[in-house]
Amino acid sequence: MTQDDVLQLFRESGALLEGHFILSSGLRSPIFLQKARVFMHPEKAEKMCRALAEQIRAAGYGDISKIVSPAVGGIIPGYETARHLGVPAIYTERVQGEFELRRGFELAQGEKVIIVEDIVSTGLSIRECVAAIRSTGADVVAAACLIDRSGGEADVGVPLVSLTQYKVPAYPADALPPELAALPAVKPGSRGLA
């Protein structure tokens, strides 16, 4: 699946938005990828996650026992990618600001897992998820995402496999280009860190 194929699925779903957006990282961007609008179409989610599972295998990370995803955004791609890899999918949730396993989810000492996320911007959610998983004694062999909007620049703390890289400009609030500063800012994401 090419970058054009992935972005076309976002366009068809009305999920590639243009304007002035406040990202969950607090950075500002003229592009927002509203993945929930793509995930509401099971056939589109299935197509992307099947391709991501193939990328994971091709990168040499197919020998794992579970997929772990950060809630909420990673749950659907984590589940669907796990289905194509033939392994269970679990997720971490924030409890008092920190990711942890809940709902009876467990990882064994030395168990090999991959983190699956929807979109990576700065890599913060994956780094926090890696820390939570490592605290159980499990081994995070890699992370994977549908879109790496950092263009390969985000440090997630483990190797990152992405279905596609789509470098999208992002700026600190106090360093906006004039054309972006002229637009009203909208915060469409779910994480309240900004």
C-alpha atoms as a PDB file:
ATOM      1  CA  MET A   1       0.000   0.000   0.000  1.00  0.00           C
ATOM      2  CA  THR A   2       1.522   3.327  -1.065  1.00  0.00           C
ATOM      3  CA  GLN A   3       1.335   6.694   0.656  1.00  0.00           C
ATOM      4  CA  ASP A   4      -1.128   7.805  -2.025  1.00  0.00           C
ATOM      5  CA  ASP A   5      -3.324   4.764  -1.296  1.00  0.00           C
ATOM      6  CA  VAL A   6      -3.380   5.526   2.443  1.00  0.00           C
ATOM      7  CA  LEU A   7      -4.059   9.234   1.973  1.00  0.00           C
ATOM      8  CA  GLN A   8      -6.796   8.444  -0.557  1.00  0.00           C
ATOM      9  CA  LEU A   9      -8.607   6.365   2.107  1.00  0.00           C
ATOM     10  CA  PHE A  10      -8.382   9.392   4.423  1.00  0.00           C
ATOM     11  CA  ARG A  11      -9.665  11.741   1.704  1.00  0.00           C
ATOM     12  CA  GLU A  12     -12.566   9.422   0.806  1.00  0.00           C
ATOM     13  CA  SER A  13     -13.564   9.408   4.478  1.00  0.00           C
ATOM     14  CA  GLY A  14     -13.355  13.195   4.882  1.00  0.00           C
ATOM     15  CA  ALA A  15     -10.499  12.580   7.318  1.00  0.00           C
ATOM     16  CA  LEU A  16      -7.713  14.695   5.788  1.00  0.00           C
ATOM     17  CA  LEU A  17      -8.533  18.155   7.132  1.00  0.00           C
ATOM     18  CA  GLU A  18      -6.919  21.497   6.313  1.00  0.00           C
ATOM     19  CA  GLY A  19      -6.951  24.578   8.566  1.00  0.00           C
ATOM     20  CA  HIS A  20      -5.208  25.488  11.862  1.00  0.00           C
ATOM     21  CA  PHE A  21      -5.172  22.580  14.283  1.00  0.00           C
ATOM     22  CA  ILE A  22      -3.860  22.151  17.818  1.00  0.00           C
ATOM     23  CA  LEU A  23      -2.370  18.649  17.949  1.00  0.00           C
ATOM     24  CA  SER A  24      -2.428  16.476  21.076  1.00  0.00           C
ATOM     25  CA  SER A  25       1.293  17.271  21.452  1.00  0.00           C
ATOM     26  CA  GLY A  26       0.436  20.977  21.710  1.00  0.00           C
ATOM     27  CA  LEU A  27       2.073  21.712  18.360  1.00  0.00           C
ATOM     28  CA  ARG A  28       0.094  23.480  15.616  1.00  0.00           C
ATOM     29  CA  SER A  29      -0.402  22.180  12.083  1.00  0.00           C
ATOM     30  CA  PRO A  30      -2.217  23.119   8.861  1.00  0.00           C
ATOM     31  CA  ILE A  31      -3.150  19.412   8.372  1.00  0.00           C
ATOM     32  CA  PHE A  32      -5.093  17.114  10.705  1.00  0.00           C
ATOM     33  CA  LEU A  33      -5.643  13.412  10.108  1.00  0.00           C
ATOM     34  CA  GLN A  34      -9.020  12.569  11.704  1.00  0.00           C
ATOM     35  CA  LYS A  35      -8.488   8.813  11.800  1.00  0.00           C
ATOM     36  CA  ALA A  36     -11.795   8.135  13.567  1.00  0.00           C
ATOM     37  CA  ARG A  37     -13.545   9.040  10.312  1.00  0.00           C
ATOM     38  CA  VAL A  38     -11.545   6.327   8.513  1.00  0.00           C
ATOM     39  CA  PHE A  39     -11.979   3.747  11.294  1.00  0.00           C
ATOM     40  CA  MET A  40     -15.770   4.085  11.107  1.00  0.00           C
ATOM     41  CA  HIS A  41     -15.469   2.183   7.800  1.00  0.00           C
ATOM     42  CA  PRO A  42     -14.398  -1.390   8.698  1.00  0.00           C
ATOM     43  CA  GLU A  43     -13.311  -2.223   5.149  1.00  0.00           C
ATOM     44  CA  LYS A  44     -10.881   0.732   5.098  1.00  0.00           C
ATOM     45  CA  ALA A  45      -9.466  -0.059   8.545  1.00  0.00           C
ATOM     46  CA  GLU A  46      -9.086  -3.715   7.534  1.00  0.00           C
ATOM     47  CA  LYS A  47      -7.248  -2.811   4.324  1.00  0.00           C
ATOM     48  CA  MET A  48      -4.736  -0.546   6.083  1.00  0.00           C
ATOM     49  CA  CYS A  49      -4.165  -2.901   9.019  1.00  0.00           C
ATOM     50  CA  ARG A  50      -3.683  -5.924   6.761  1.00  0.00           C
ATOM     51  CA  ALA A  51      -0.992  -3.942   4.933  1.00  0.00           C
ATOM     52  CA  LEU A  52       0.557  -2.887   8.264  1.00  0.00           C
ATOM     53  CA  ALA A  53       0.685  -6.534   9.398  1.00  0.00           C
ATOM     54  CA  GLU A  54       2.501  -7.358   6.143  1.00  0.00           C
ATOM     55  CA  GLN A  55       4.981  -4.512   6.822  1.00  0.00           C
ATOM     56  CA  ILE A  56       5.581  -5.847  10.362  1.00  0.00           C
ATOM     57  CA  ARG A  57       6.318  -9.334   9.002  1.00  0.00           C
ATOM     58  CA  ALA A  58       8.547  -7.926   6.228  1.00  0.00           C
ATOM     59  CA  ALA A  59      10.533  -5.960   8.836  1.00  0.00           C
ATOM     60  CA  GLY A  60      11.192  -9.207  10.744  1.00  0.00           C
ATOM     61  CA  TYR A  61       8.911  -8.565  13.740  1.00  0.00           C
ATOM     62  CA  GLY A  62       6.226 -11.188  13.087  1.00  0.00           C
ATOM     63  CA  ASP A  63       7.367 -13.537  15.892  1.00  0.00           C
ATOM     64  CA  ILE A  64       5.429 -11.924  18.744  1.00  0.00           C
ATOM     65  CA  SER A  65       2.762 -13.099  21.156  1.00  0.00           C
ATOM     66  CA  LYS A  66       0.633  -9.938  21.509  1.00  0.00           C
ATOM     67  CA  ILE A  67      -0.116  -6.505  20.150  1.00  0.00           C
ATOM     68  CA  VAL A  68      -0.402  -3.755  22.768  1.00  0.00           C
ATOM     69  CA  SER A  69      -1.892  -0.377  21.894  1.00  0.00           C
ATOM     70  CA  PRO A  70      -2.276   2.894  23.743  1.00  0.00           C
ATOM     71  CA  ALA A  71      -5.958   3.746  24.291  1.00  0.00           C
ATOM     72  CA  VAL A  72      -7.941   5.219  22.745  1.00  0.00           C
ATOM     73  CA  GLY A  73      -6.558   5.872  19.270  1.00  0.00           C
ATOM     74  CA  GLY A  74      -4.545   2.668  18.985  1.00  0.00           C
ATOM     75  CA  ILE A  75      -7.299   0.231  19.958  1.00  0.00           C
ATOM     76  CA  ILE A  76      -8.888  -0.242  16.514  1.00  0.00           C
ATOM     77  CA  PRO A  77      -5.657  -0.489  14.481  1.00  0.00           C
ATOM     78  CA  GLY A  78      -4.109  -2.645  17.217  1.00  0.00           C
ATOM     79  CA  TYR A  79      -7.021  -5.073  17.188  1.00  0.00           C
ATOM     80  CA  GLU A  80      -7.250  -5.256  13.405  1.00  0.00           C
ATOM     81  CA  THR A  81      -3.476  -5.652  12.932  1.00  0.00           C
ATOM     82  CA  ALA A  82      -3.420  -8.370  15.607  1.00  0.00           C
ATOM     83  CA  ARG A  83      -6.180 -10.195  13.727  1.00  0.00           C
ATOM     84  CA  HIS A  84      -3.986 -10.292  10.621  1.00  0.00           C
ATOM     85  CA  LEU A  85      -0.946 -11.422  12.635  1.00  0.00           C
ATOM     86  CA  GLY A  86      -2.969 -14.097  14.449  1.00  0.00           C
ATOM     87  CA  VAL A  87      -2.187 -12.848  17.972  1.00  0.00           C
ATOM     88  CA  PRO A  88      -4.284 -11.321  20.785  1.00  0.00           C
ATOM     89  CA  ALA A  89      -4.668  -7.540  21.090  1.00  0.00           C
ATOM     90  CA  ILE A  90      -4.673  -5.697  24.413  1.00  0.00           C
ATOM     91  CA  TYR A  91      -4.315  -2.040  25.315  1.00  0.00           C
ATOM     92  CA  THR A  92      -3.017   0.314  27.957  1.00  0.00           C
ATOM     93  CA  GLU A  93      -5.123   3.054  29.520  1.00  0.00           C
ATOM     94  CA  ARG A  94      -4.203   6.232  31.342  1.00  0.00           C
ATOM     95  CA  VAL A  95      -4.684   6.067  35.094  1.00  0.00           C
ATOM     96  CA  GLN A  96      -3.799   9.340  36.810  1.00  0.00           C
ATOM     97  CA  GLY A  97      -1.869  10.360  33.690  1.00  0.00           C
ATOM     98  CA  GLU A  98       0.178   7.141  33.357  1.00  0.00           C
ATOM     99  CA  PHE A  99      -0.401   4.206  31.006  1.00  0.00           C
ATOM    100  CA  GLU A 100      -1.075   0.849  32.611  1.00  0.00           C
ATOM    101  CA  LEU A 101      -2.686  -2.464  31.772  1.00  0.00           C
ATOM    102  CA  ARG A 102      -6.193  -2.888  33.194  1.00  0.00           C
ATOM    103  CA  ARG A 103      -9.254  -5.095  32.565  1.00  0.00           C
ATOM    104  CA  GLY A 104      -7.325  -8.256  33.459  1.00  0.00           C
ATOM    105  CA  PHE A 105      -4.786  -7.760  30.648  1.00  0.00           C
ATOM    106  CA  GLU A 106      -1.421  -9.293  31.531  1.00  0.00           C
ATOM    107  CA  LEU A 107       2.012  -9.732  29.994  1.00  0.00           C
ATOM    108  CA  ALA A 108       4.527 -12.378  31.031  1.00  0.00           C
ATOM    109  CA  GLN A 109       8.171 -11.786  31.857  1.00  0.00           C
ATOM    110  CA  GLY A 110      10.121 -11.751  28.569  1.00  0.00           C
ATOM    111  CA  GLU A 111       6.990 -11.937  26.400  1.00  0.00           C
ATOM    112  CA  LYS A 112       7.653 -10.349  22.974  1.00  0.00           C
ATOM    113  CA  VAL A 113       5.134  -7.695  21.945  1.00  0.00           C
ATOM    114  CA  ILE A 114       4.708  -4.931  19.396  1.00  0.00           C
ATOM    115  CA  ILE A 115       2.967  -1.664  20.126  1.00  0.00           C
ATOM    116  CA  VAL A 116       0.511  -0.599  17.411  1.00  0.00           C
ATOM    117  CA  GLU A 117      -0.577   3.039  17.238  1.00  0.00           C
ATOM    118  CA  ASP A 118      -2.712   4.928  14.754  1.00  0.00           C
ATOM    119  CA  ILE A 119      -0.666   8.034  13.942  1.00  0.00           C
ATOM    120  CA  VAL A 120       2.737   9.087  15.279  1.00  0.00           C
ATOM    121  CA  SER A 121       3.586  12.783  15.582  1.00  0.00           C
ATOM    122  CA  THR A 122       6.127  13.153  18.392  1.00  0.00           C
ATOM    123  CA  GLY A 123       6.121   9.524  19.605  1.00  0.00           C
ATOM    124  CA  LEU A 124       5.057  10.427  23.155  1.00  0.00           C
ATOM    125  CA  SER A 125       2.192   7.915  23.463  1.00  0.00           C
ATOM    126  CA  ILE A 126       4.380   5.075  22.223  1.00  0.00           C
ATOM    127  CA  ARG A 127       7.258   6.019  24.570  1.00  0.00           C
ATOM    128  CA  GLU A 128       4.818   6.069  27.495  1.00  0.00           C
ATOM    129  CA  CYS A 129       3.342   2.736  26.385  1.00  0.00           C
ATOM    130  CA  VAL A 130       6.850   1.230  26.072  1.00  0.00           C
ATOM    131  CA  ALA A 131       7.591   2.262  29.671  1.00  0.00           C
ATOM    132  CA  ALA A 132       4.344   0.706  30.927  1.00  0.00           C
ATOM    133  CA  ILE A 133       4.990  -2.563  29.099  1.00  0.00           C
ATOM    134  CA  ARG A 134       8.613  -2.794  30.188  1.00  0.00           C
ATOM    135  CA  SER A 135       7.494  -2.333  33.797  1.00  0.00           C
ATOM    136  CA  THR A 136       5.713  -5.707  33.469  1.00  0.00           C
ATOM    137  CA  GLY A 137       8.931  -7.409  32.332  1.00  0.00           C
ATOM    138  CA  ALA A 138       7.703  -7.907  28.761  1.00  0.00           C
ATOM    139  CA  ASP A 139       9.940  -7.124  25.785  1.00  0.00           C
ATOM    140  CA  VAL A 140       8.805  -4.446  23.318  1.00  0.00           C
ATOM    141  CA  VAL A 141      10.531  -5.543  20.105  1.00  0.00           C
ATOM    142  CA  ALA A 142       9.135  -2.712  17.957  1.00  0.00           C
ATOM    143  CA  ALA A 143       6.275  -0.305  17.429  1.00  0.00           C
ATOM    144  CA  ALA A 144       4.125   0.144  14.348  1.00  0.00           C
ATOM    145  CA  CYS A 145       1.749   2.813  13.089  1.00  0.00           C
ATOM    146  CA  LEU A 146      -0.465   3.518  10.127  1.00  0.00           C
ATOM    147  CA  ILE A 147       0.973   6.987   9.490  1.00  0.00           C
ATOM    148  CA  ASP A 148       4.224   8.462  10.753  1.00  0.00           C
ATOM    149  CA  ARG A 149       3.525  12.167  10.321  1.00  0.00           C
ATOM    150  CA  SER A 150       7.002  13.027  11.611  1.00  0.00           C
ATOM    151  CA  GLY A 151       8.587  11.663   8.427  1.00  0.00           C
ATOM    152  CA  GLY A 152      10.767   9.283  10.441  1.00  0.00           C
ATOM    153  CA  GLU A 153      11.967  11.934  12.915  1.00  0.00           C
ATOM    154  CA  ALA A 154       9.962  10.876  15.980  1.00  0.00           C
ATOM    155  CA  ASP A 155      11.857   8.940  18.635  1.00  0.00           C
ATOM    156  CA  VAL A 156       9.556   6.228  19.979  1.00  0.00           C
ATOM    157  CA  GLY A 157      12.249   4.412  21.955  1.00  0.00           C
ATOM    158  CA  VAL A 158      12.102   1.215  19.849  1.00  0.00           C
ATOM    159  CA  PRO A 159      12.275   0.505  16.095  1.00  0.00           C
ATOM    160  CA  LEU A 160       9.220   1.931  14.299  1.00  0.00           C
ATOM    161  CA  VAL A 161       7.462   0.291  11.353  1.00  0.00           C
ATOM    162  CA  SER A 162       5.035   2.590   9.549  1.00  0.00           C
ATOM    163  CA  LEU A 163       2.568   1.838   6.801  1.00  0.00           C
ATOM    164  CA  THR A 164       3.469   5.230   5.389  1.00  0.00           C
ATOM    165  CA  GLN A 165       5.386   8.350   6.293  1.00  0.00           C
ATOM    166  CA  TYR A 166       3.619  11.624   5.608  1.00  0.00           C
ATOM    167  CA  LYS A 167       5.679  14.582   6.783  1.00  0.00           C
ATOM    168  CA  VAL A 168       3.259  17.234   7.965  1.00  0.00           C
ATOM    169  CA  PRO A 169       4.541  20.582   9.222  1.00  0.00           C
ATOM    170  CA  ALA A 170       4.034  21.236  12.923  1.00  0.00           C
ATOM    171  CA  TYR A 171       4.966  24.385  14.825  1.00  0.00           C
ATOM    172  CA  PRO A 172       5.161  25.577  18.411  1.00  0.00           C
ATOM    173  CA  ALA A 173       2.294  27.988  19.204  1.00  0.00           C
ATOM    174  CA  ASP A 174       4.750  30.891  19.493  1.00  0.00           C
ATOM    175  CA  ALA A 175       6.424  30.219  16.119  1.00  0.00           C
ATOM    176  CA  LEU A 176       3.543  30.014  13.640  1.00  0.00           C
ATOM    177  CA  PRO A 177       3.937  31.046  10.021  1.00  0.00           C
ATOM    178  CA  PRO A 178       1.733  34.110   9.279  1.00  0.00           C
ATOM    179  CA  GLU A 179      -0.722  32.203   7.066  1.00  0.00           C
ATOM    180  CA  LEU A 180      -1.402  29.699   9.887  1.00  0.00           C
ATOM    181  CA  ALA A 181      -1.545  32.377  12.596  1.00  0.00           C
ATOM    182  CA  ALA A 182      -4.256  34.159  10.567  1.00  0.00           C
ATOM    183  CA  LEU A 183      -6.624  31.170  10.928  1.00  0.00           C
ATOM    184  CA  PRO A 184      -8.631  30.325  14.072  1.00  0.00           C
ATOM    185  CA  ALA A 185      -7.152  27.336  15.926  1.00  0.00           C
ATOM    186  CA  VAL A 186      -9.243  24.180  16.376  1.00  0.00           C
ATOM    187  CA  LYS A 187      -8.436  21.272  18.722  1.00  0.00           C
ATOM    188  CA  PRO A 188      -9.999  18.151  17.158  1.00  0.00           C
ATOM    189  CA  GLY A 189      -7.895  15.566  19.064  1.00  0.00           C
ATOM    190  CA  SER A 190      -8.780  13.810  22.303  1.00  0.00           C
ATOM    191  CA  ARG A 191      -5.729  14.062  24.549  1.00  0.00           C
ATOM    192  CA  GLY A 192      -5.670  17.137  26.748  1.00  0.00           C
ATOM    193  CA  LEU A 193      -1.958  17.877  26.997  1.00  0.00           C
ATOM    194  CA  ALA A 194      -1.907  21.230  25.221  1.00  0.00           C
END
